[in-house]
C-alpha atoms as a PDB file:
ATOM      1  CA  MET A   1      41.247  -6.650  -6.951  1.00  0.00           C
ATOM      2  CA  ILE A   2      39.606  -8.045 -10.070  1.00  0.00           C
ATOM      3  CA  ASN A   3      39.110 -11.784 -10.189  1.00  0.00           C
ATOM      4  CA  PHE A   4      39.425 -12.536 -13.890  1.00  0.00           C
ATOM      5  CA  GLU A   5      38.060 -16.076 -13.566  1.00  0.00           C
ATOM      6  CA  GLU A   6      34.803 -14.767 -12.051  1.00  0.00           C
ATOM      7  CA  GLU A   7      34.555 -12.023 -14.641  1.00  0.00           C
ATOM      8  CA  LEU A   8      35.011 -14.559 -17.455  1.00  0.00           C
ATOM      9  CA  LYS A   9      32.157 -16.645 -16.014  1.00  0.00           C
ATOM     10  CA  LYS A  10      29.866 -13.565 -16.227  1.00  0.00           C
ATOM     11  CA  PHE A  11      30.858 -12.833 -19.814  1.00  0.00           C
ATOM     12  CA  HIS A  12      28.157 -13.136 -22.491  1.00  0.00           C
ATOM     13  CA  PRO A  13      29.223 -12.576 -26.081  1.00  0.00           C
ATOM     14  CA  SER A  14      27.478  -9.749 -27.859  1.00  0.00           C
ATOM     15  CA  LEU A  15      25.026 -10.508 -30.621  1.00  0.00           C
ATOM     16  CA  GLU A  16      26.254 -10.561 -34.171  1.00  0.00           C
ATOM     17  CA  ILE A  17      25.142  -7.602 -36.270  1.00  0.00           C
ATOM     18  CA  ASP A  18      22.386  -9.570 -38.021  1.00  0.00           C
ATOM     19  CA  GLN A  19      21.074 -10.979 -34.761  1.00  0.00           C
ATOM     20  CA  ALA A  20      21.142  -7.588 -33.061  1.00  0.00           C
ATOM     21  CA  GLU A  21      19.394  -5.942 -36.005  1.00  0.00           C
ATOM     22  CA  GLU A  22      16.701  -8.620 -35.987  1.00  0.00           C
ATOM     23  CA  ALA A  23      16.195  -8.292 -32.226  1.00  0.00           C
ATOM     24  CA  ILE A  24      15.837  -4.517 -32.505  1.00  0.00           C
ATOM     25  CA  TYR A  25      13.456  -4.532 -35.457  1.00  0.00           C
ATOM     26  CA  ASN A  26      11.245  -7.262 -33.974  1.00  0.00           C
ATOM     27  CA  GLN A  27      10.434  -5.178 -30.912  1.00  0.00           C
ATOM     28  CA  ASP A  28       7.195  -3.240 -31.122  1.00  0.00           C
ATOM     29  CA  LEU A  29       8.250   0.011 -29.538  1.00  0.00           C
ATOM     30  CA  THR A  30       6.030   3.054 -29.284  1.00  0.00           C
ATOM     31  CA  ASP A  31       7.870   6.339 -29.590  1.00  0.00           C
ATOM     32  CA  MET A  32       6.714   9.900 -28.985  1.00  0.00           C
ATOM     33  CA  ALA A  33       5.661  10.364 -32.612  1.00  0.00           C
ATOM     34  CA  ASP A  34       3.345   7.322 -32.354  1.00  0.00           C
ATOM     35  CA  LEU A  35       1.849   8.671 -29.127  1.00  0.00           C
ATOM     36  CA  LEU A  36       1.212  12.093 -30.648  1.00  0.00           C
ATOM     37  CA  VAL A  37      -0.402  10.613 -33.767  1.00  0.00           C
ATOM     38  CA  ASN A  38      -2.708   8.513 -31.570  1.00  0.00           C
ATOM     39  CA  LEU A  39      -3.656  11.524 -29.439  1.00  0.00           C
ATOM     40  CA  ILE A  40      -4.457  13.592 -32.526  1.00  0.00           C
ATOM     41  CA  ARG A  41      -6.576  10.799 -34.009  1.00  0.00           C
ATOM     42  CA  GLU A  42      -8.485  10.370 -30.764  1.00  0.00           C
ATOM     43  CA  SER A  43      -9.139  14.095 -30.437  1.00  0.00           C
ATOM     44  CA  GLN A  44     -10.360  14.280 -34.051  1.00  0.00           C
ATOM     45  CA  GLU A  45     -12.679  11.316 -33.506  1.00  0.00           C
ATOM     46  CA  GLU A  46     -14.133  12.942 -30.389  1.00  0.00           C
ATOM     47  CA  GLU A  47     -14.844  16.159 -32.314  1.00  0.00           C
ATOM     48  CA  GLN A  48     -16.923  14.314 -34.943  1.00  0.00           C
END
């Protein structure tokens, strides 16, 4: 059975929209497009 008192102790409020947006944008994440661009640049530099 669910113990609501324990569950309430674990609860953390979600970030406000502005805070969440700031947290997301401040992360330096590399995606597949960035990886491909870097690989292409490196291969072009090796050819020269």
